[in-house]
Protein backbone atom coordinates (compact mmCIF):
# COMPACT_ATOMS: atom_id res chain seq x y z
CA MET A 1 7.28 -45.97 32.84
CA LYS A 2 5.83 -44.15 29.83
CA ILE A 3 4.68 -41.31 32.11
CA ALA A 4 8.12 -41.09 33.72
CA ALA A 5 9.77 -40.98 30.30
CA SER A 6 7.45 -38.20 29.17
CA VAL A 7 8.17 -36.14 32.29
CA LEU A 8 11.90 -36.65 31.79
CA ALA A 9 11.63 -35.45 28.19
CA VAL A 10 9.84 -32.27 29.29
CA VAL A 11 12.45 -31.61 31.99
CA LEU A 12 15.32 -32.07 29.55
CA ALA A 13 13.68 -29.77 26.98
CA THR A 14 13.11 -27.12 29.63
CA SER A 15 16.67 -27.43 30.89
CA SER A 16 18.02 -26.98 27.38
CA ALA A 17 15.98 -23.83 26.91
CA VAL A 18 17.28 -22.42 30.18
CA ALA A 19 20.87 -23.44 29.47
CA LEU A 20 20.92 -21.72 26.06
CA PRO A 21 19.41 -18.24 26.53
CA ARG A 22 19.10 -16.02 23.48
CA GLU A 23 21.96 -13.55 23.44
CA THR A 24 20.96 -9.88 23.55
CA VAL A 25 23.27 -7.49 21.72
CA SER A 26 23.06 -3.81 22.61
CA ALA A 27 22.86 -1.07 19.99
CA GLN A 28 26.30 0.14 21.08
CA GLU A 29 27.78 -3.33 20.62
CA ARG A 30 26.22 -3.57 17.15
CA CYS A 31 27.74 -0.24 16.17
CA ARG A 32 31.20 -1.17 17.37
CA SER A 33 31.11 -4.58 15.68
CA SER A 34 30.01 -3.10 12.33
CA VAL A 35 32.04 0.13 12.32
CA GLY A 36 34.69 0.02 15.05
CA ASP A 37 35.51 1.44 18.47
CA HIS A 38 34.78 5.02 17.38
CA ALA A 39 31.13 4.31 16.60
CA VAL A 40 28.27 5.31 18.87
CA ALA A 41 24.61 4.34 19.04
CA ASN A 42 23.65 7.33 21.20
CA PHE A 43 24.65 10.83 20.19
CA GLY A 44 23.27 14.35 20.10
CA PRO A 45 21.60 16.68 19.86
CA PHE A 46 22.91 17.62 16.42
CA THR A 47 21.85 19.00 13.07
CA LEU A 48 22.21 17.07 9.82
CA ALA A 49 24.41 18.20 6.95
CA ALA A 50 25.75 16.78 3.68
CA VAL A 51 29.34 17.23 2.56
CA ASN A 52 30.67 16.32 -0.87
CA LYS A 53 32.92 13.28 -0.48
CA THR A 54 35.67 15.00 -2.45
CA LEU A 55 36.04 17.43 0.48
CA GLY A 56 36.45 14.73 3.13
CA MET A 57 34.01 13.53 5.78
CA HIS A 58 34.99 16.12 8.39
CA SER A 59 35.01 19.17 6.11
CA ASN A 60 33.24 22.28 7.41
CA GLN A 61 32.00 23.10 3.90
CA SER A 62 28.81 21.13 4.38
CA GLU A 63 25.23 21.92 3.36
CA PRO A 64 22.57 21.81 6.11
CA LEU A 65 19.74 19.30 5.62
CA GLU A 66 16.07 19.79 6.47
CA LEU A 67 12.97 17.61 6.48
CA SER A 68 11.11 18.56 3.32
CA PRO A 69 7.83 17.35 1.80
CA SER A 70 8.11 13.76 0.62
CA VAL A 71 9.24 13.24 -2.97
CA THR A 72 8.35 9.55 -2.69
CA ASN A 73 4.66 10.03 -1.87
CA SER A 74 3.49 13.61 -2.30
CA SER A 75 0.03 12.89 -0.87
CA ALA A 76 1.31 11.41 2.40
CA THR A 77 1.80 14.37 4.74
CA GLN A 78 3.16 12.17 7.55
CA TYR A 79 6.34 11.45 5.56
CA ARG A 80 9.31 13.71 4.80
CA SER A 81 12.35 13.56 2.57
CA LEU A 82 15.74 14.89 3.64
CA ALA A 83 16.62 17.87 1.43
CA THR A 84 19.35 20.49 1.31
CA ASN A 85 18.58 23.79 3.01
CA ASN A 86 19.52 25.48 -0.27
CA THR A 87 16.48 23.93 -1.98
CA TYR A 88 14.19 23.78 1.08
CA PRO A 89 15.16 26.59 3.50
CA TYR A 90 12.56 25.82 6.18
CA VAL A 91 13.54 24.41 9.56
CA GLU A 92 10.82 22.19 11.03
CA PHE A 93 13.05 20.21 13.38
CA VAL A 94 15.88 22.17 14.96
CA ALA A 95 17.79 19.13 16.20
CA PHE A 96 18.15 15.35 15.91
CA THR A 97 19.49 12.59 18.13
CA LEU A 98 20.71 9.03 17.78
CA THR A 99 18.93 6.95 20.40
CA ASP A 100 19.92 3.27 20.62
CA GLY A 101 20.67 3.32 16.89
CA GLY A 102 17.47 5.13 15.89
CA LEU A 103 17.58 8.55 14.21
CA ILE A 104 15.03 10.93 15.73
CA GLY A 105 13.94 14.49 14.99
CA VAL A 106 13.48 16.19 18.36
CA ASN A 107 9.87 17.19 18.99
CA ASN A 108 8.80 20.40 17.30
CA ALA A 109 7.63 22.60 20.21
CA SER A 110 4.98 24.46 18.20
CA SER A 111 3.42 21.48 16.42
CA GLY A 112 4.13 18.68 18.90
CA LEU A 113 5.44 16.52 16.07
CA GLY A 114 8.35 14.13 16.35
CA ALA A 115 10.17 12.45 13.46
CA GLU A 116 11.82 9.06 13.06
CA ALA A 117 14.02 7.90 10.19
CA LEU A 118 12.89 4.78 8.39
CA ALA A 119 15.55 2.26 7.40
CA PRO A 120 16.72 3.57 4.00
CA GLN A 121 16.00 1.39 0.99
CA GLU A 122 18.50 1.02 -1.82
CA ALA A 123 17.95 3.49 -4.70
CA LYS A 124 15.23 5.34 -2.76
CA PRO A 125 15.21 8.78 -1.10
CA PHE A 126 15.92 8.87 2.64
CA THR A 127 12.54 9.06 4.41
CA PHE A 128 11.33 10.17 7.83
CA LYS A 129 7.92 9.53 9.37
CA VAL A 130 6.44 12.32 11.48
CA SER A 131 3.89 11.73 14.20
CA HIS A 132 2.25 13.09 17.35
CA THR A 133 2.57 9.64 18.94
CA ALA A 134 5.51 7.86 20.57
CA LEU A 135 8.45 7.24 18.27
CA HIS A 136 9.86 3.79 17.58
CA PRO A 137 12.75 4.37 15.16
CA GLU A 138 14.46 1.47 13.45
CA PRO A 139 17.82 0.81 15.20
CA VAL A 140 19.97 0.66 12.06
CA PHE A 141 22.17 3.75 12.41
CA CYS A 142 25.45 4.64 14.11
CA GLY A 143 27.52 7.77 14.43
CA VAL A 144 31.21 7.54 13.53
CA VAL A 145 33.06 10.09 15.61
CA GLY A 146 36.55 9.96 14.12
CA LYS A 147 39.67 9.05 16.05
CA SER A 148 38.08 9.64 19.44
CA THR A 149 34.61 9.71 20.96
CA ASN A 150 35.66 13.14 22.31
CA SER A 151 36.56 14.46 18.86
CA SER A 152 35.46 18.03 18.11
CA LYS A 153 34.95 17.18 14.43
CA PRO A 154 31.46 16.33 13.15
CA ALA A 155 30.49 12.70 13.35
CA VAL A 156 29.17 11.00 10.22
CA LEU A 157 26.14 8.78 9.83
CA ALA A 158 26.49 5.07 9.14
CA LEU A 159 23.72 2.70 8.06
CA HIS A 160 24.52 -0.91 8.99
CA GLY A 161 28.13 0.27 9.20
CA ASP A 162 28.06 1.93 5.78
CA THR A 163 29.08 5.62 5.61
CA GLU A 164 29.92 5.60 1.90
CA SER A 165 26.63 5.08 0.03
CA PHE A 166 24.71 8.34 0.43
CA SER A 167 24.16 10.80 -2.41
CA ILE A 168 22.44 14.12 -3.08
CA CYS A 169 20.17 13.92 -6.13
CA ARG A 170 17.83 16.39 -7.83
CA SER A 171 14.17 15.53 -7.33
CA GLU A 172 10.78 17.28 -7.31
CA PHE A 173 7.86 17.75 -4.96
CA LYS A 174 4.57 18.12 -6.80
CA SER A 175 1.43 19.50 -5.19
CA ASN A 176 -1.66 21.27 -6.54
CA GLY A 177 -0.11 21.74 -9.97
CA THR A 178 3.08 23.24 -8.53
CA THR A 179 6.51 21.63 -8.85
CA THR A 180 9.26 22.42 -6.35
CA PRO A 181 12.82 21.26 -7.18
CA LEU A 182 14.52 19.58 -4.21
CA ASP A 183 18.00 18.13 -3.76
CA VAL A 184 17.40 15.10 -1.57
CA VAL A 185 19.46 12.41 0.14
CA VAL A 186 19.33 9.01 -1.58
CA TYR A 187 20.83 5.76 -0.34
CA LYS A 188 22.78 3.76 -2.96
CA ALA A 189 21.50 5.86 -5.85
CA ARG A 190 21.30 4.14 -9.20
CA ALA A 191 19.65 4.58 -12.57
CA ASN A 192 16.13 3.24 -12.29
CA ASP A 193 12.65 3.63 -13.70
CA HIS A 194 10.70 5.02 -10.77
CA ASP A 195 11.42 8.68 -11.64
CA LEU A 196 11.96 9.73 -8.02
CA TYR A 197 15.17 11.61 -8.86
CA ASN A 198 17.53 12.43 -11.71
CA PHE A 199 20.35 9.93 -11.42
CA ARG A 200 22.68 12.00 -13.60
CA SER A 201 22.47 14.82 -11.05
CA CYS A 202 23.64 12.67 -8.14
CA TYR A 203 26.91 13.20 -6.31
CA SER A 204 28.29 11.23 -3.37
CA VAL A 205 28.19 12.73 0.13
CA TYR A 206 28.81 11.97 3.75
CA ILE A 207 25.98 12.77 6.14
CA GLN A 208 27.42 14.77 9.03
CA LEU A 209 26.02 14.92 12.56
CA VAL A 210 26.93 18.47 13.61
CA PRO A 211 26.64 19.00 17.40
CA THR A 212 24.37 21.85 18.45
CA ALA A 213 25.36 24.49 20.99
CA SER A 214 23.53 22.60 23.76
CA ALA A 215 25.42 19.40 22.93
CA SER A 216 28.84 21.04 22.86
CA GLY A 217 28.17 23.23 25.86
């Protein structure tokens, strides 16, 4: 009888596990639940740009953004910050995509490098990791495409549904005794003691996802 009871307990436990499967939520479902029906987890190719929030999220007066040397760790060449083209006018990655909620820099044809956005940390500069190996971006982003998924206006980037907490702040890249001023994207900028950027210089922006010719054509 003890053996029969033990077998019955195993069967019941197994049945419970089968009856209650773990629900899988797609990246698209996560985007729509956190932002709304006009959010997408897959989008692109596009370029990145910052627009002052006072101009509105769909303004065409935006500043292109490029992957610059890292202001967070100047000695780590595999990391990049996201800086304005005005302060870093060098295009390493010509396009980006949203893939299942991950933000990816399309492979650089000459170097073979790809780039993936790390999940932004509060009060820290936006950071990408570049690599020759397969990319595994963190699925924390969405694109908000306005009133319609067919809208011709630029989409804007959302992190965990948040489009409102990005800023451009003045920072510096230091290497071999040389200091290069950079205006970089920061998530939830605040006064702090890590000296990664000048908080007084910060202004709020939306991050636009501007479709490239290949995307719109």
